[in-house]
Amino acid sequence: MGRTLVILGAVLVAVGLCWPWLQKLPFGRLPGDIFIRREGFQFFFPITTCILISIVITLIFWFFRK
């Protein structure tokens, strides 16, 4: 459990340091992401981005399990 927390912390630090470059990726602006803008109201649901990230994380865990 401790090793997992250390790895997770290191990944979060790495993502935080790379955030200026990661913001330029098209995640959150993919076709299929729902964005509704009305006067005084905004709703954003990145469904396609969530599915893509889920597939990538599943493949990573599957690869390390083998």
N, C-alpha and C. Protein backbone atom coordinates (compact mmCIF):
# COMPACT_ATOMS: atom_id res chain seq x y z
N MET A 1 0.83 -1.19 0.00
CA MET A 1 0.00 0.00 0.00
C MET A 1 0.88 1.26 0.00
N GLY A 2 1.94 1.24 0.79
CA GLY A 2 2.83 2.41 0.86
C GLY A 2 3.51 2.69 -0.46
N ARG A 3 3.94 1.62 -1.12
CA ARG A 3 4.60 1.78 -2.42
C ARG A 3 3.64 2.38 -3.45
N THR A 4 2.40 1.94 -3.42
CA THR A 4 1.40 2.46 -4.34
C THR A 4 1.16 3.94 -4.11
N LEU A 5 1.09 4.36 -2.86
CA LEU A 5 0.89 5.77 -2.56
C LEU A 5 2.07 6.63 -3.00
N VAL A 6 3.28 6.11 -2.85
CA VAL A 6 4.46 6.84 -3.29
C VAL A 6 4.46 6.99 -4.81
N ILE A 7 4.12 5.93 -5.52
CA ILE A 7 4.06 5.99 -6.98
C ILE A 7 2.98 6.95 -7.43
N LEU A 8 1.81 6.88 -6.79
CA LEU A 8 0.72 7.79 -7.13
C LEU A 8 1.12 9.25 -6.88
N GLY A 9 1.80 9.51 -5.78
CA GLY A 9 2.29 10.86 -5.49
C GLY A 9 3.29 11.34 -6.52
N ALA A 10 4.19 10.46 -6.94
CA ALA A 10 5.18 10.83 -7.95
C ALA A 10 4.52 11.14 -9.28
N VAL A 11 3.50 10.37 -9.63
CA VAL A 11 2.77 10.62 -10.88
C VAL A 11 2.06 11.97 -10.80
N LEU A 12 1.44 12.28 -9.68
CA LEU A 12 0.76 13.56 -9.52
C LEU A 12 1.73 14.73 -9.60
N VAL A 13 2.91 14.59 -9.03
CA VAL A 13 3.93 15.64 -9.12
C VAL A 13 4.38 15.81 -10.56
N ALA A 14 4.59 14.70 -11.27
CA ALA A 14 5.02 14.77 -12.66
C ALA A 14 3.96 15.44 -13.53
N VAL A 15 2.69 15.10 -13.31
CA VAL A 15 1.62 15.73 -14.07
C VAL A 15 1.55 17.22 -13.75
N GLY A 16 1.73 17.57 -12.48
CA GLY A 16 1.72 18.98 -12.10
C GLY A 16 2.83 19.77 -12.74
N LEU A 17 4.00 19.18 -12.84
CA LEU A 17 5.13 19.87 -13.47
C LEU A 17 4.95 20.00 -14.98
N CYS A 18 4.28 19.03 -15.58
CA CYS A 18 4.08 19.04 -17.03
C CYS A 18 2.77 19.72 -17.44
N TRP A 19 2.03 20.27 -16.50
CA TRP A 19 0.71 20.82 -16.79
C TRP A 19 0.68 21.87 -17.90
N PRO A 20 1.65 22.80 -17.99
CA PRO A 20 1.60 23.78 -19.09
C PRO A 20 1.59 23.12 -20.47
N TRP A 21 2.28 22.00 -20.62
CA TRP A 21 2.31 21.32 -21.92
C TRP A 21 1.10 20.40 -22.08
N LEU A 22 0.62 19.85 -20.99
CA LEU A 22 -0.54 18.95 -21.07
C LEU A 22 -1.82 19.70 -21.42
N GLN A 23 -1.90 20.98 -21.08
CA GLN A 23 -3.09 21.76 -21.41
C GLN A 23 -3.26 21.96 -22.90
N LYS A 24 -2.19 21.84 -23.65
CA LYS A 24 -2.25 22.04 -25.10
C LYS A 24 -2.78 20.80 -25.83
N LEU A 25 -2.87 19.66 -25.13
CA LEU A 25 -3.44 18.46 -25.74
C LEU A 25 -4.94 18.64 -25.92
N PRO A 26 -5.53 17.95 -26.88
CA PRO A 26 -6.95 18.18 -27.18
C PRO A 26 -7.92 17.53 -26.20
N PHE A 27 -7.45 16.98 -25.08
CA PHE A 27 -8.37 16.37 -24.12
C PHE A 27 -9.32 17.41 -23.58
N GLY A 28 -10.60 17.07 -23.54
CA GLY A 28 -11.62 18.01 -23.10
C GLY A 28 -12.25 18.76 -24.26
N ARG A 29 -11.67 18.62 -25.43
CA ARG A 29 -12.22 19.29 -26.62
C ARG A 29 -12.38 18.29 -27.76
N LEU A 30 -12.62 17.05 -27.41
CA LEU A 30 -12.77 16.01 -28.42
C LEU A 30 -14.20 15.98 -28.94
N PRO A 31 -14.40 15.48 -30.15
CA PRO A 31 -15.78 15.31 -30.64
C PRO A 31 -16.52 14.35 -29.72
N GLY A 32 -17.70 14.70 -29.33
CA GLY A 32 -18.49 13.88 -28.41
C GLY A 32 -18.52 14.44 -27.01
N ASP A 33 -17.60 15.35 -26.68
CA ASP A 33 -17.65 16.02 -25.38
C ASP A 33 -18.81 17.01 -25.41
N ILE A 34 -19.58 17.03 -24.34
CA ILE A 34 -20.78 17.85 -24.30
C ILE A 34 -20.45 19.19 -23.64
N PHE A 35 -20.75 20.28 -24.34
CA PHE A 35 -20.53 21.62 -23.81
C PHE A 35 -21.74 22.48 -24.16
N ILE A 36 -22.43 22.93 -23.14
CA ILE A 36 -23.62 23.76 -23.35
C ILE A 36 -23.35 25.11 -22.70
N ARG A 37 -23.50 26.17 -23.47
CA ARG A 37 -23.29 27.52 -22.95
C ARG A 37 -24.57 28.33 -23.19
N ARG A 38 -25.13 28.81 -22.11
CA ARG A 38 -26.30 29.69 -22.16
C ARG A 38 -25.97 30.94 -21.36
N GLU A 39 -26.82 31.90 -21.42
CA GLU A 39 -26.58 33.12 -20.67
C GLU A 39 -26.62 32.81 -19.17
N GLY A 40 -25.51 33.04 -18.52
CA GLY A 40 -25.40 32.81 -17.08
C GLY A 40 -25.26 31.35 -16.68
N PHE A 41 -24.99 30.47 -17.64
CA PHE A 41 -24.92 29.03 -17.35
C PHE A 41 -23.97 28.35 -18.30
N GLN A 42 -23.12 27.49 -17.75
CA GLN A 42 -22.25 26.67 -18.58
C GLN A 42 -22.27 25.25 -18.02
N PHE A 43 -22.34 24.28 -18.92
CA PHE A 43 -22.30 22.87 -18.54
C PHE A 43 -21.32 22.17 -19.45
N PHE A 44 -20.39 21.44 -18.85
CA PHE A 44 -19.37 20.74 -19.61
C PHE A 44 -19.25 19.32 -19.08
N PHE A 45 -19.42 18.34 -19.96
CA PHE A 45 -19.25 16.94 -19.60
C PHE A 45 -18.39 16.27 -20.66
N PRO A 46 -17.13 16.00 -20.33
CA PRO A 46 -16.19 15.43 -21.32
C PRO A 46 -16.32 13.92 -21.44
N ILE A 47 -17.43 13.45 -21.97
CA ILE A 47 -17.70 12.01 -22.02
C ILE A 47 -16.70 11.26 -22.89
N THR A 48 -16.36 11.79 -24.04
CA THR A 48 -15.39 11.12 -24.92
C THR A 48 -14.01 11.10 -24.28
N THR A 49 -13.63 12.19 -23.66
CA THR A 49 -12.34 12.25 -22.98
C THR A 49 -12.30 11.24 -21.84
N CYS A 50 -13.37 11.12 -21.08
CA CYS A 50 -13.42 10.15 -19.97
C CYS A 50 -13.28 8.72 -20.47
N ILE A 51 -13.96 8.42 -21.57
CA ILE A 51 -13.86 7.06 -22.14
C ILE A 51 -12.45 6.79 -22.62
N LEU A 52 -11.83 7.74 -23.29
CA LEU A 52 -10.47 7.57 -23.79
C LEU A 52 -9.47 7.38 -22.65
N ILE A 53 -9.58 8.19 -21.61
CA ILE A 53 -8.68 8.06 -20.46
C ILE A 53 -8.90 6.72 -19.76
N SER A 54 -10.14 6.28 -19.66
CA SER A 54 -10.44 4.99 -19.05
C SER A 54 -9.81 3.84 -19.83
N ILE A 55 -9.88 3.91 -21.14
CA ILE A 55 -9.27 2.86 -21.98
C ILE A 55 -7.76 2.85 -21.79
N VAL A 56 -7.13 4.01 -21.76
CA VAL A 56 -5.68 4.08 -21.60
C VAL A 56 -5.25 3.54 -20.24
N ILE A 57 -5.96 3.93 -19.18
CA ILE A 57 -5.62 3.45 -17.84
C ILE A 57 -5.84 1.94 -17.74
N THR A 58 -6.91 1.43 -18.34
CA THR A 58 -7.16 -0.02 -18.34
C THR A 58 -6.04 -0.76 -19.04
N LEU A 59 -5.58 -0.25 -20.18
CA LEU A 59 -4.48 -0.89 -20.90
C LEU A 59 -3.19 -0.87 -20.10
N ILE A 60 -2.93 0.23 -19.42
CA ILE A 60 -1.71 0.33 -18.60
C ILE A 60 -1.76 -0.69 -17.47
N PHE A 61 -2.89 -0.78 -16.76
CA PHE A 61 -3.01 -1.76 -15.68
C PHE A 61 -2.94 -3.19 -16.23
N TRP A 62 -3.55 -3.46 -17.36
CA TRP A 62 -3.51 -4.77 -17.96
C TRP A 62 -2.08 -5.15 -18.35
N PHE A 63 -1.33 -4.17 -18.88
CA PHE A 63 0.05 -4.43 -19.28
C PHE A 63 0.92 -4.77 -18.07
N PHE A 64 0.77 -4.02 -16.98
CA PHE A 64 1.59 -4.27 -15.79
C PHE A 64 1.17 -5.51 -15.03
N ARG A 65 -0.06 -5.95 -15.24
CA ARG A 65 -0.52 -7.18 -14.58
C ARG A 65 0.11 -8.42 -15.21
N LYS A 66 0.35 -8.36 -16.50
CA LYS A 66 0.92 -9.51 -17.24
C LYS A 66 2.33 -9.70 -16.86
